[in-house]
C-alpha cells in the first residue's frame, strides 16, 4: 500500500515539475522578416516611346490620400507594436523596461532585491542630506524636487 501511494505521489510531483518547467520557459520573440526589395523591371534602351514626358499638366489620376494625424493612443500603441501585427505581445510590452531593470540589477542575476531597487532613493537621500544627520529639513527636501523638463521647441 505504501509503495503504490508513494509511486502515485512521485508521479504527480514529476508531472507538476514538468508542467512548471514547460510553462516557465520564456517565449523568444521572432524578429520581423526583412522588407522585400522591389527590383525595377529591365528597360529596353531602344524604346524611347515608353519614357514619359516631363509635362504632367494633362495627366489625371486618383487624388492622393489625405494623411490624418494619429491620436496619442495610436502613437503609443505603434511604438510598442514592434512587428506591426496589430497586437502587443508581452515581450513587446516589457522590452522598453529592460534597460531600466538592468541598471537596477547591480549583481546581474535577473533578480531585483529591495536593496537594489532602493539604491537610487538611498543615494538621492544621502545627496540631499547636506549636514549628514540622517534626516531632511524642508530646505534639504526641496532640493530633491524633480527638475521640470524643457518644453519642446515648435517645429513650425
Protein backbone atom coordinates (compact mmCIF):
# COMPACT_ATOMS: atom_id res chain seq x y z
CA UNK A 1 0.00 0.00 0.00
CA UNK A 2 2.78 2.42 0.91
CA UNK A 3 4.63 1.64 -2.32
CA UNK A 4 1.65 2.41 -4.55
CA UNK A 5 0.87 5.59 -2.61
CA UNK A 6 4.49 6.68 -2.83
CA UNK A 7 4.59 5.86 -6.57
CA UNK A 8 1.40 7.84 -7.27
CA UNK A 9 2.68 10.80 -5.27
CA UNK A 10 6.03 10.68 -7.11
CA UNK A 11 4.26 10.56 -10.48
CA UNK A 12 2.14 13.59 -9.57
CA UNK A 13 5.22 15.51 -8.43
CA UNK A 14 7.03 14.69 -11.68
CA UNK A 15 4.05 15.84 -13.75
CA UNK A 16 3.78 19.06 -11.72
CA UNK A 17 7.52 19.72 -12.10
CA UNK A 18 7.28 19.08 -15.85
CA UNK A 19 4.38 21.49 -16.23
CA UNK A 20 6.16 24.12 -14.14
CA UNK A 21 9.30 23.74 -16.25
CA UNK A 22 7.35 23.82 -19.52
CA UNK A 23 5.35 26.95 -18.57
CA UNK A 24 8.43 28.68 -17.18
CA UNK A 25 10.29 28.93 -20.47
CA UNK A 26 10.28 32.47 -21.81
CA UNK A 27 8.97 32.76 -25.33
CA UNK A 28 11.57 34.26 -27.61
CA UNK A 29 10.03 36.71 -29.98
CA UNK A 30 10.83 36.12 -33.61
CA UNK A 31 12.28 39.06 -35.49
CA UNK A 32 10.22 40.61 -38.21
CA UNK A 33 11.16 39.42 -41.69
CA UNK A 34 13.25 41.85 -43.70
CA UNK A 35 11.38 44.05 -46.14
CA UNK A 36 11.37 42.78 -49.69
CA UNK A 37 13.42 44.88 -52.07
CA UNK A 38 11.47 45.81 -55.14
CA UNK A 39 13.52 45.37 -58.26
CA UNK A 40 12.85 47.55 -61.27
CA UNK A 41 11.98 45.66 -64.47
CA UNK A 42 14.71 45.89 -67.12
CA UNK A 43 14.05 48.62 -69.65
CA UNK A 44 14.89 48.39 -73.29
CA UNK A 45 17.03 51.30 -74.37
CA UNK A 46 15.67 51.04 -77.89
CA UNK A 47 12.13 52.10 -76.90
CA UNK A 48 12.23 55.84 -76.33
CA UNK A 49 8.44 55.98 -76.69
CA UNK A 50 7.97 54.45 -73.21
CA UNK A 51 9.70 57.34 -71.46
CA UNK A 52 7.05 59.79 -70.22
CA UNK A 53 7.13 63.48 -70.87
CA UNK A 54 8.08 65.86 -68.10
CA UNK A 55 4.87 67.79 -68.73
CA UNK A 56 2.30 66.37 -66.30
CA UNK A 57 -0.38 69.04 -66.68
CA UNK A 58 -2.61 66.83 -68.84
CA UNK A 59 -2.28 63.71 -66.72
CA UNK A 60 -5.13 62.68 -64.45
CA UNK A 61 -5.10 60.20 -61.64
CA UNK A 62 -6.52 59.45 -58.27
CA UNK A 63 -6.25 62.07 -55.59
CA UNK A 64 -3.54 61.35 -53.06
CA UNK A 65 -4.90 60.14 -49.76
CA UNK A 66 -5.15 62.69 -47.00
CA UNK A 67 -2.89 61.73 -44.12
CA UNK A 68 -4.66 62.06 -40.82
CA UNK A 69 -2.89 62.84 -37.57
CA UNK A 70 -2.55 59.75 -35.37
CA UNK A 71 -4.01 60.13 -31.92
CA UNK A 72 -1.82 59.98 -28.86
CA UNK A 73 -3.00 56.45 -28.03
CA UNK A 74 -2.35 55.25 -31.60
CA UNK A 75 1.22 56.60 -31.47
CA UNK A 76 1.78 54.95 -28.09
CA UNK A 77 0.38 51.65 -29.40
CA UNK A 78 2.53 51.83 -32.56
CA UNK A 79 5.69 52.46 -30.50
CA UNK A 80 5.13 49.22 -28.60
CA UNK A 81 3.89 47.10 -31.55
CA UNK A 82 7.36 46.41 -32.99
CA UNK A 83 6.34 43.84 -35.60
CA UNK A 84 3.26 45.85 -36.70
CA UNK A 85 0.88 42.89 -36.40
CA UNK A 86 -1.84 44.90 -34.64
CA UNK A 87 -1.27 43.15 -31.29
CA UNK A 88 1.17 43.87 -28.49
CA UNK A 89 2.78 40.75 -27.06
CA UNK A 90 4.10 40.51 -23.52
CA UNK A 91 7.68 40.73 -24.80
CA UNK A 92 6.89 43.87 -26.79
CA UNK A 93 5.27 45.43 -23.72
CA UNK A 94 8.24 44.68 -21.44
CA UNK A 95 11.04 45.48 -23.92
CA UNK A 96 11.29 49.24 -23.14
CA UNK A 97 11.66 48.47 -19.43
CA UNK A 98 14.56 46.02 -19.76
CA UNK A 99 17.25 48.72 -19.87
CA UNK A 100 15.95 50.32 -16.66
CA UNK A 101 15.78 46.91 -14.97
CA UNK A 102 19.38 46.13 -15.98
CA UNK A 103 20.52 49.43 -14.41
CA UNK A 104 18.91 48.48 -11.09
CA UNK A 105 20.09 44.84 -11.09
CA UNK A 106 23.66 45.52 -9.98
CA UNK A 107 24.67 41.88 -9.41
CA UNK A 108 23.21 40.81 -12.83
CA UNK A 109 21.33 37.77 -11.53
CA UNK A 110 17.96 38.87 -13.02
CA UNK A 111 16.54 39.12 -9.51
CA UNK A 112 15.83 42.52 -8.08
CA UNK A 113 16.20 42.72 -4.31
CA UNK A 114 14.77 45.52 -2.23
CA UNK A 115 18.24 46.92 -1.66
CA UNK A 116 18.95 47.03 -5.41
CA UNK A 117 15.60 48.68 -6.04
CA UNK A 118 16.02 51.24 -3.23
CA UNK A 119 19.64 52.18 -4.02
CA UNK A 120 18.62 55.15 -6.20
CA UNK A 121 16.36 56.57 -3.49
CA UNK A 122 19.04 55.98 -0.83
CA UNK A 123 21.68 57.75 -2.91
CA UNK A 124 19.30 60.65 -3.53
CA UNK A 125 18.61 60.91 0.19
CA UNK A 126 22.33 60.92 1.01
CA UNK A 127 22.99 63.61 -1.57
CA UNK A 128 20.17 65.80 -0.22
CA UNK A 129 21.19 65.37 3.44
CA UNK A 130 23.67 68.25 3.49
CA UNK A 131 24.53 68.14 7.19
CA UNK A 132 24.64 64.30 7.32
CA UNK A 133 22.36 64.00 10.36
CA UNK A 134 20.16 61.29 8.77
CA UNK A 135 17.09 63.50 8.34
CA UNK A 136 15.99 66.09 5.82
CA UNK A 137 14.90 69.59 6.69
CA UNK A 138 12.39 71.40 4.50
CA UNK A 139 15.16 73.16 2.59
CA UNK A 140 17.06 69.89 2.03
CA UNK A 141 13.88 68.15 0.95
CA UNK A 142 13.13 70.94 -1.54
CA UNK A 143 16.43 70.15 -3.27
CA UNK A 144 15.12 66.65 -4.17
CA UNK A 145 12.31 68.07 -6.32
CA UNK A 146 12.47 66.68 -9.87
CA UNK A 147 13.56 69.25 -12.43
CA UNK A 148 11.00 70.42 -14.94
CA UNK A 149 11.66 69.14 -18.45
CA UNK A 150 12.03 71.93 -21.00
CA UNK A 151 9.11 72.18 -23.39
CA UNK A 152 10.00 71.05 -26.92
CA UNK A 153 10.54 73.84 -29.39
CA UNK A 154 7.96 74.33 -32.08
CA UNK A 155 8.94 72.84 -35.46
CA UNK A 156 6.95 75.45 -37.36
